[in-house]
């Protein structure tokens, strides 16, 4: 299941999504940092990190502790046209 956070200004966002291929043996998570673009353009992805689940959970807690908030999906197949 994906998790989404946005900064206080609603400009940057972070997407946490599991690596389904590695989940059973060593749970890992992709963490994408970027922002949605206007008018249906592809999202601007600034970076991607590949973290162990515990490290991703720690990052989530750190971001929410500093003012980031959860949001609905902002890009990808889960976003309605």
PDB file of N, CA and C in Angstrom:
ATOM      1  N   UNK A   1       0.831  -1.175   0.000  1.00  0.00           N
ATOM      2  CA  UNK A   1       0.000   0.000   0.000  1.00  0.00           C
ATOM      3  C   UNK A   1       0.880   1.244   0.000  1.00  0.00           C
ATOM      4  N   UNK A   2       0.535   2.212  -0.813  1.00  0.00           N
ATOM      5  CA  UNK A   2       1.302   3.446  -0.909  1.00  0.00           C
ATOM      6  C   UNK A   2       0.925   4.412   0.205  1.00  0.00           C
ATOM      7  N   UNK A   3       1.876   5.238   0.579  1.00  0.00           N
ATOM      8  CA  UNK A   3       1.636   6.329   1.514  1.00  0.00           C
ATOM      9  C   UNK A   3       2.147   7.615   0.908  1.00  0.00           C
ATOM     10  N   UNK A   4       1.427   8.703   1.110  1.00  0.00           N
ATOM     11  CA  UNK A   4       1.771   9.999   0.524  1.00  0.00           C
ATOM     12  C   UNK A   4       1.835  11.062   1.601  1.00  0.00           C
ATOM     13  N   UNK A   5       2.848  11.931   1.505  1.00  0.00           N
ATOM     14  CA  UNK A   5       2.979  13.084   2.385  1.00  0.00           C
ATOM     15  C   UNK A   5       3.224  14.324   1.536  1.00  0.00           C
ATOM     16  N   UNK A   6       2.728  15.473   1.999  1.00  0.00           N
ATOM     17  CA  UNK A   6       3.027  16.746   1.345  1.00  0.00           C
ATOM     18  C   UNK A   6       3.588  17.711   2.376  1.00  0.00           C
ATOM     19  N   UNK A   7       4.418  18.629   1.897  1.00  0.00           N
ATOM     20  CA  UNK A   7       4.989  19.629   2.798  1.00  0.00           C
ATOM     21  C   UNK A   7       3.920  20.652   3.183  1.00  0.00           C
ATOM     22  N   UNK A   8       4.277  21.562   4.079  1.00  0.00           N
ATOM     23  CA  UNK A   8       3.316  22.548   4.583  1.00  0.00           C
ATOM     24  C   UNK A   8       2.744  23.426   3.477  1.00  0.00           C
ATOM     25  N   UNK A   9       3.531  23.698   2.441  1.00  0.00           N
ATOM     26  CA  UNK A   9       3.081  24.555   1.350  1.00  0.00           C
ATOM     27  C   UNK A   9       2.297  23.796   0.288  1.00  0.00           C
ATOM     28  N   UNK A  10       2.266  22.467   0.383  1.00  0.00           N
ATOM     29  CA  UNK A  10       1.588  21.662  -0.614  1.00  0.00           C
ATOM     30  C   UNK A  10       2.316  21.631  -1.952  1.00  0.00           C
ATOM     31  N   UNK A  11       3.615  21.929  -1.930  1.00  0.00           N
ATOM     32  CA  UNK A  11       4.391  22.007  -3.165  1.00  0.00           C
ATOM     33  C   UNK A  11       5.126  20.699  -3.444  1.00  0.00           C
ATOM     34  N   UNK A  12       5.886  20.208  -2.472  1.00  0.00           N
ATOM     35  CA  UNK A  12       6.635  18.961  -2.618  1.00  0.00           C
ATOM     36  C   UNK A  12       5.879  17.826  -1.960  1.00  0.00           C
ATOM     37  N   UNK A  13       6.080  16.641  -2.481  1.00  0.00           N
ATOM     38  CA  UNK A  13       5.454  15.483  -1.863  1.00  0.00           C
ATOM     39  C   UNK A  13       6.416  14.301  -1.882  1.00  0.00           C
ATOM     40  N   UNK A  14       6.102  13.349  -1.026  1.00  0.00           N
ATOM     41  CA  UNK A  14       6.886  12.126  -0.910  1.00  0.00           C
ATOM     42  C   UNK A  14       5.920  10.954  -1.030  1.00  0.00           C
ATOM     43  N   UNK A  15       6.289   9.998  -1.860  1.00  0.00           N
ATOM     44  CA  UNK A  15       5.491   8.790  -2.032  1.00  0.00           C
ATOM     45  C   UNK A  15       6.285   7.607  -1.495  1.00  0.00           C
ATOM     46  N   UNK A  16       5.696   6.862  -0.598  1.00  0.00           N
ATOM     47  CA  UNK A  16       6.281   5.641  -0.057  1.00  0.00           C
ATOM     48  C   UNK A  16       5.533   4.473  -0.680  1.00  0.00           C
ATOM     49  N   UNK A  17       6.242   3.574  -1.357  1.00  0.00           N
ATOM     50  CA  UNK A  17       5.580   2.402  -1.927  1.00  0.00           C
ATOM     51  C   UNK A  17       6.504   1.197  -1.851  1.00  0.00           C
ATOM     52  N   UNK A  18       5.935   0.036  -1.485  1.00  0.00           N
ATOM     53  CA  UNK A  18       6.748  -1.156  -1.252  1.00  0.00           C
ATOM     54  C   UNK A  18       7.309  -1.733  -2.551  1.00  0.00           C
ATOM     55  N   UNK A  19       8.456  -2.358  -2.421  1.00  0.00           N
ATOM     56  CA  UNK A  19       9.028  -3.134  -3.522  1.00  0.00           C
ATOM     57  C   UNK A  19       8.433  -4.530  -3.407  1.00  0.00           C
ATOM     58  N   UNK A  20       7.409  -4.794  -4.203  1.00  0.00           N
ATOM     59  CA  UNK A  20       6.692  -6.063  -4.112  1.00  0.00           C
ATOM     60  C   UNK A  20       7.580  -7.265  -4.385  1.00  0.00           C
ATOM     61  N   UNK A  21       8.616  -7.112  -5.182  1.00  0.00           N
ATOM     62  CA  UNK A  21       9.500  -8.238  -5.519  1.00  0.00           C
ATOM     63  C   UNK A  21      10.373  -8.655  -4.345  1.00  0.00           C
ATOM     64  N   UNK A  22      10.697  -7.711  -3.463  1.00  0.00           N
ATOM     65  CA  UNK A  22      11.589  -8.015  -2.348  1.00  0.00           C
ATOM     66  C   UNK A  22      10.857  -8.112  -1.012  1.00  0.00           C
ATOM     67  N   UNK A  23       9.549  -7.908  -1.004  1.00  0.00           N
ATOM     68  CA  UNK A  23       8.821  -7.758   0.256  1.00  0.00           C
ATOM     69  C   UNK A  23       8.877  -9.002   1.133  1.00  0.00           C
ATOM     70  N   UNK A  24       8.796 -10.187   0.584  1.00  0.00           N
ATOM     71  CA  UNK A  24       8.757 -11.409   1.392  1.00  0.00           C
ATOM     72  C   UNK A  24      10.103 -11.709   2.052  1.00  0.00           C
ATOM     73  N   UNK A  25      11.198 -11.487   1.349  1.00  0.00           N
ATOM     74  CA  UNK A  25      12.516 -11.833   1.882  1.00  0.00           C
ATOM     75  C   UNK A  25      13.093 -10.726   2.756  1.00  0.00           C
ATOM     76  N   UNK A  26      13.083  -9.510   2.274  1.00  0.00           N
ATOM     77  CA  UNK A  26      13.638  -8.376   3.004  1.00  0.00           C
ATOM     78  C   UNK A  26      12.798  -7.153   2.652  1.00  0.00           C
ATOM     79  N   UNK A  27      11.796  -6.821   3.473  1.00  0.00           N
ATOM     80  CA  UNK A  27      10.893  -5.725   3.139  1.00  0.00           C
ATOM     81  C   UNK A  27      11.633  -4.413   2.880  1.00  0.00           C
ATOM     82  N   UNK A  28      11.478  -3.905   1.653  1.00  0.00           N
ATOM     83  CA  UNK A  28      12.091  -2.633   1.280  1.00  0.00           C
ATOM     84  C   UNK A  28      11.037  -1.732   0.662  1.00  0.00           C
ATOM     85  N   UNK A  29      11.305  -0.439   0.728  1.00  0.00           N
ATOM     86  CA  UNK A  29      10.349   0.571   0.291  1.00  0.00           C
ATOM     87  C   UNK A  29      11.052   1.566  -0.626  1.00  0.00           C
ATOM     88  N   UNK A  30      10.378   1.919  -1.729  1.00  0.00           N
ATOM     89  CA  UNK A  30      10.837   3.022  -2.570  1.00  0.00           C
ATOM     90  C   UNK A  30      10.259   4.308  -1.987  1.00  0.00           C
ATOM     91  N   UNK A  31      11.074   5.346  -1.916  1.00  0.00           N
ATOM     92  CA  UNK A  31      10.623   6.652  -1.442  1.00  0.00           C
ATOM     93  C   UNK A  31      10.925   7.653  -2.549  1.00  0.00           C
ATOM     94  N   UNK A  32       9.861   8.130  -3.208  1.00  0.00           N
ATOM     95  CA  UNK A  32       9.992   9.083  -4.312  1.00  0.00           C
ATOM     96  C   UNK A  32       9.697  10.485  -3.802  1.00  0.00           C
ATOM     97  N   UNK A  33      10.547  11.432  -4.191  1.00  0.00           N
ATOM     98  CA  UNK A  33      10.400  12.823  -3.788  1.00  0.00           C
ATOM     99  C   UNK A  33      10.184  13.646  -5.041  1.00  0.00           C
ATOM    100  N   UNK A  34       9.112  14.393  -5.087  1.00  0.00           N
ATOM    101  CA  UNK A  34       8.836  15.190  -6.270  1.00  0.00           C
ATOM    102  C   UNK A  34       7.597  16.030  -6.093  1.00  0.00           C
ATOM    103  N   UNK A  35       6.983  16.402  -7.233  1.00  0.00           N
ATOM    104  CA  UNK A  35       5.751  17.180  -7.174  1.00  0.00           C
ATOM    105  C   UNK A  35       4.940  16.955  -8.436  1.00  0.00           C
ATOM    106  N   UNK A  36       3.625  17.042  -8.312  1.00  0.00           N
ATOM    107  CA  UNK A  36       2.786  16.900  -9.493  1.00  0.00           C
ATOM    108  C   UNK A  36       2.933  18.133 -10.376  1.00  0.00           C
ATOM    109  N   UNK A  37       2.705  17.960 -11.655  1.00  0.00           N
ATOM    110  CA  UNK A  37       2.801  19.062 -12.607  1.00  0.00           C
ATOM    111  C   UNK A  37       1.403  19.406 -13.115  1.00  0.00           C
ATOM    112  N   UNK A  38       1.223  20.624 -13.584  1.00  0.00           N
ATOM    113  CA  UNK A  38      -0.101  21.050 -14.045  1.00  0.00           C
ATOM    114  C   UNK A  38      -0.483  20.437 -15.389  1.00  0.00           C
ATOM    115  N   UNK A  39      -1.769  20.495 -15.671  1.00  0.00           N
ATOM    116  CA  UNK A  39      -2.325  20.137 -16.968  1.00  0.00           C
ATOM    117  C   UNK A  39      -1.985  18.724 -17.429  1.00  0.00           C
ATOM    118  N   UNK A  40      -1.938  17.785 -16.506  1.00  0.00           N
ATOM    119  CA  UNK A  40      -1.735  16.391 -16.877  1.00  0.00           C
ATOM    120  C   UNK A  40      -0.326  16.013 -17.287  1.00  0.00           C
ATOM    121  N   UNK A  41       0.635  16.905 -17.098  1.00  0.00           N
ATOM    122  CA  UNK A  41       2.022  16.578 -17.418  1.00  0.00           C
ATOM    123  C   UNK A  41       2.534  15.540 -16.422  1.00  0.00           C
ATOM    124  N   UNK A  42       3.534  14.747 -16.810  1.00  0.00           N
ATOM    125  CA  UNK A  42       4.103  13.782 -15.869  1.00  0.00           C
ATOM    126  C   UNK A  42       4.686  14.492 -14.643  1.00  0.00           C
ATOM    127  N   UNK A  43       4.669  13.799 -13.528  1.00  0.00           N
ATOM    128  CA  UNK A  43       5.200  14.364 -12.286  1.00  0.00           C
ATOM    129  C   UNK A  43       6.692  14.659 -12.420  1.00  0.00           C
ATOM    130  N   UNK A  44       7.139  15.678 -11.688  1.00  0.00           N
ATOM    131  CA  UNK A  44       8.557  16.012 -11.610  1.00  0.00           C
ATOM    132  C   UNK A  44       9.148  15.231 -10.447  1.00  0.00           C
ATOM    133  N   UNK A  45       9.898  14.189 -10.741  1.00  0.00           N
ATOM    134  CA  UNK A  45      10.511  13.365  -9.698  1.00  0.00           C
ATOM    135  C   UNK A  45      11.945  13.825  -9.495  1.00  0.00           C
ATOM    136  N   UNK A  46      12.259  14.266  -8.281  1.00  0.00           N
ATOM    137  CA  UNK A  46      13.585  14.787  -7.974  1.00  0.00           C
ATOM    138  C   UNK A  46      14.541  13.702  -7.491  1.00  0.00           C
ATOM    139  N   UNK A  47      14.019  12.733  -6.767  1.00  0.00           N
ATOM    140  CA  UNK A  47      14.904  11.672  -6.272  1.00  0.00           C
ATOM    141  C   UNK A  47      14.091  10.445  -5.890  1.00  0.00           C
ATOM    142  N   UNK A  48      14.801   9.331  -5.805  1.00  0.00           N
ATOM    143  CA  UNK A  48      14.213   8.076  -5.327  1.00  0.00           C
ATOM    144  C   UNK A  48      15.221   7.430  -4.394  1.00  0.00           C
ATOM    145  N   UNK A  49      14.722   6.974  -3.247  1.00  0.00           N
ATOM    146  CA  UNK A  49      15.552   6.241  -2.303  1.00  0.00           C
ATOM    147  C   UNK A  49      14.967   4.846  -2.152  1.00  0.00           C
ATOM    148  N   UNK A  50      15.817   3.907  -1.817  1.00  0.00           N
ATOM    149  CA  UNK A  50      15.420   2.513  -1.631  1.00  0.00           C
ATOM    150  C   UNK A  50      15.838   2.131  -0.224  1.00  0.00           C
ATOM    151  N   UNK A  51      14.856   2.037   0.681  1.00  0.00           N
ATOM    152  CA  UNK A  51      15.145   1.871   2.098  1.00  0.00           C
ATOM    153  C   UNK A  51      14.540   0.590   2.661  1.00  0.00           C
ATOM    154  N   UNK A  52      15.187   0.081   3.702  1.00  0.00           N
ATOM    155  CA  UNK A  52      14.565  -0.995   4.473  1.00  0.00           C
ATOM    156  C   UNK A  52      13.296  -0.437   5.110  1.00  0.00           C
ATOM    157  N   UNK A  53      12.358  -1.306   5.359  1.00  0.00           N
ATOM    158  CA  UNK A  53      11.064  -0.878   5.890  1.00  0.00           C
ATOM    159  C   UNK A  53      11.215  -0.044   7.164  1.00  0.00           C
ATOM    160  N   UNK A  54      12.049  -0.461   8.083  1.00  0.00           N
ATOM    161  CA  UNK A  54      12.229   0.267   9.340  1.00  0.00           C
ATOM    162  C   UNK A  54      12.766   1.673   9.096  1.00  0.00           C
ATOM    163  N   UNK A  55      13.686   1.814   8.138  1.00  0.00           N
ATOM    164  CA  UNK A  55      14.224   3.137   7.818  1.00  0.00           C
ATOM    165  C   UNK A  55      13.161   4.020   7.167  1.00  0.00           C
ATOM    166  N   UNK A  56      12.318   3.424   6.330  1.00  0.00           N
ATOM    167  CA  UNK A  56      11.229   4.178   5.700  1.00  0.00           C
ATOM    168  C   UNK A  56      10.221   4.637   6.760  1.00  0.00           C
ATOM    169  N   UNK A  57       9.930   3.776   7.722  1.00  0.00           N
ATOM    170  CA  UNK A  57       9.015   4.158   8.795  1.00  0.00           C
ATOM    171  C   UNK A  57       9.604   5.293   9.628  1.00  0.00           C
ATOM    172  N   UNK A  58      10.903   5.249   9.890  1.00  0.00           N
ATOM    173  CA  UNK A  58      11.559   6.314  10.641  1.00  0.00           C
ATOM    174  C   UNK A  58      11.507   7.628   9.860  1.00  0.00           C
ATOM    175  N   UNK A  59      11.710   7.567   8.539  1.00  0.00           N
ATOM    176  CA  UNK A  59      11.632   8.772   7.705  1.00  0.00           C
ATOM    177  C   UNK A  59      10.216   9.335   7.733  1.00  0.00           C
ATOM    178  N   UNK A  60       9.208   8.478   7.626  1.00  0.00           N
ATOM    179  CA  UNK A  60       7.810   8.918   7.688  1.00  0.00           C
ATOM    180  C   UNK A  60       7.552   9.666   9.000  1.00  0.00           C
ATOM    181  N   UNK A  61       7.986   9.086  10.111  1.00  0.00           N
ATOM    182  CA  UNK A  61       7.774   9.716  11.420  1.00  0.00           C
ATOM    183  C   UNK A  61       8.505  11.048  11.523  1.00  0.00           C
ATOM    184  N   UNK A  62       9.715  11.121  10.978  1.00  0.00           N
ATOM    185  CA  UNK A  62      10.474  12.371  11.016  1.00  0.00           C
ATOM    186  C   UNK A  62       9.783  13.456  10.190  1.00  0.00           C
ATOM    187  N   UNK A  63       9.295  13.093   9.013  1.00  0.00           N
ATOM    188  CA  UNK A  63       8.623  14.075   8.165  1.00  0.00           C
ATOM    189  C   UNK A  63       7.308  14.549   8.782  1.00  0.00           C
ATOM    190  N   UNK A  64       6.501  13.624   9.285  1.00  0.00           N
ATOM    191  CA  UNK A  64       5.239  14.035   9.898  1.00  0.00           C
ATOM    192  C   UNK A  64       5.490  14.847  11.165  1.00  0.00           C
ATOM    193  N   UNK A  65       6.579  14.563  11.855  1.00  0.00           N
ATOM    194  CA  UNK A  65       6.932  15.332  13.038  1.00  0.00           C
ATOM    195  C   UNK A  65       7.379  16.747  12.725  1.00  0.00           C
ATOM    196  N   UNK A  66       7.800  16.971  11.485  1.00  0.00           N
ATOM    197  CA  UNK A  66       8.260  18.311  11.106  1.00  0.00           C
ATOM    198  C   UNK A  66       7.226  19.070  10.266  1.00  0.00           C
ATOM    199  N   UNK A  67       5.981  18.582  10.257  1.00  0.00           N
ATOM    200  CA  UNK A  67       4.918  19.340   9.621  1.00  0.00           C
ATOM    201  C   UNK A  67       4.374  18.796   8.316  1.00  0.00           C
ATOM    202  N   UNK A  68       4.950  17.737   7.776  1.00  0.00           N
ATOM    203  CA  UNK A  68       4.399  17.135   6.562  1.00  0.00           C
ATOM    204  C   UNK A  68       3.091  16.446   6.929  1.00  0.00           C
ATOM    205  N   UNK A  69       2.124  16.443   5.996  1.00  0.00           N
ATOM    206  CA  UNK A  69       0.824  15.842   6.257  1.00  0.00           C
ATOM    207  C   UNK A  69       0.499  14.789   5.204  1.00  0.00           C
ATOM    208  N   UNK A  70      -0.358  13.851   5.569  1.00  0.00           N
ATOM    209  CA  UNK A  70      -0.764  12.816   4.626  1.00  0.00           C
ATOM    210  C   UNK A  70      -1.656  13.424   3.552  1.00  0.00           C
ATOM    211  N   UNK A  71      -1.641  12.795   2.382  1.00  0.00           N
ATOM    212  CA  UNK A  71      -2.472  13.283   1.289  1.00  0.00           C
ATOM    213  C   UNK A  71      -2.933  12.112   0.429  1.00  0.00           C
ATOM    214  N   UNK A  72      -3.858  12.411  -0.442  1.00  0.00           N
ATOM    215  CA  UNK A  72      -4.297  11.446  -1.442  1.00  0.00           C
ATOM    216  C   UNK A  72      -3.188  11.301  -2.477  1.00  0.00           C
ATOM    217  N   UNK A  73      -3.190  10.242  -3.270  1.00  0.00           N
ATOM    218  CA  UNK A  73      -2.182  10.105  -4.325  1.00  0.00           C
ATOM    219  C   UNK A  73      -2.167  11.327  -5.251  1.00  0.00           C
ATOM    220  N   UNK A  74      -0.973  11.743  -5.642  1.00  0.00           N
ATOM    221  CA  UNK A  74      -0.824  12.951  -6.454  1.00  0.00           C
ATOM    222  C   UNK A  74      -0.351  12.680  -7.873  1.00  0.00           C
ATOM    223  N   UNK A  75       0.134  11.472  -8.137  1.00  0.00           N
ATOM    224  CA  UNK A  75       0.485  11.084  -9.496  1.00  0.00           C
ATOM    225  C   UNK A  75       0.438   9.572  -9.583  1.00  0.00           C
ATOM    226  N   UNK A  76       0.467   9.077 -10.785  1.00  0.00           N
ATOM    227  CA  UNK A  76       0.464   7.634 -11.011  1.00  0.00           C
ATOM    228  C   UNK A  76      -0.918   7.109 -11.323  1.00  0.00           C
ATOM    229  N   UNK A  77      -1.045   5.793 -11.358  1.00  0.00           N
ATOM    230  CA  UNK A  77      -2.284   5.140 -11.769  1.00  0.00           C
ATOM    231  C   UNK A  77      -3.427   5.359 -10.783  1.00  0.00           C
ATOM    232  N   UNK A  78      -3.132   5.703  -9.531  1.00  0.00           N
ATOM    233  CA  UNK A  78      -4.176   5.902  -8.527  1.00  0.00           C
ATOM    234  C   UNK A  78      -4.876   7.254  -8.636  1.00  0.00           C
ATOM    235  N   UNK A  79      -4.360   8.128  -9.489  1.00  0.00           N
ATOM    236  CA  UNK A  79      -4.936   9.459  -9.628  1.00  0.00           C
ATOM    237  C   UNK A  79      -5.993   9.439 -10.728  1.00  0.00           C
ATOM    238  N   UNK A  80      -7.168   9.956 -10.402  1.00  0.00           N
ATOM    239  CA  UNK A  80      -8.232  10.008 -11.406  1.00  0.00           C
ATOM    240  C   UNK A  80      -7.956  11.117 -12.413  1.00  0.00           C
ATOM    241  N   UNK A  81      -8.289  10.894 -13.683  1.00  0.00           N
ATOM    242  CA  UNK A  81      -8.045  11.927 -14.694  1.00  0.00           C
ATOM    243  C   UNK A  81      -8.935  13.137 -14.494  1.00  0.00           C
TER     244      UNK A  81
END
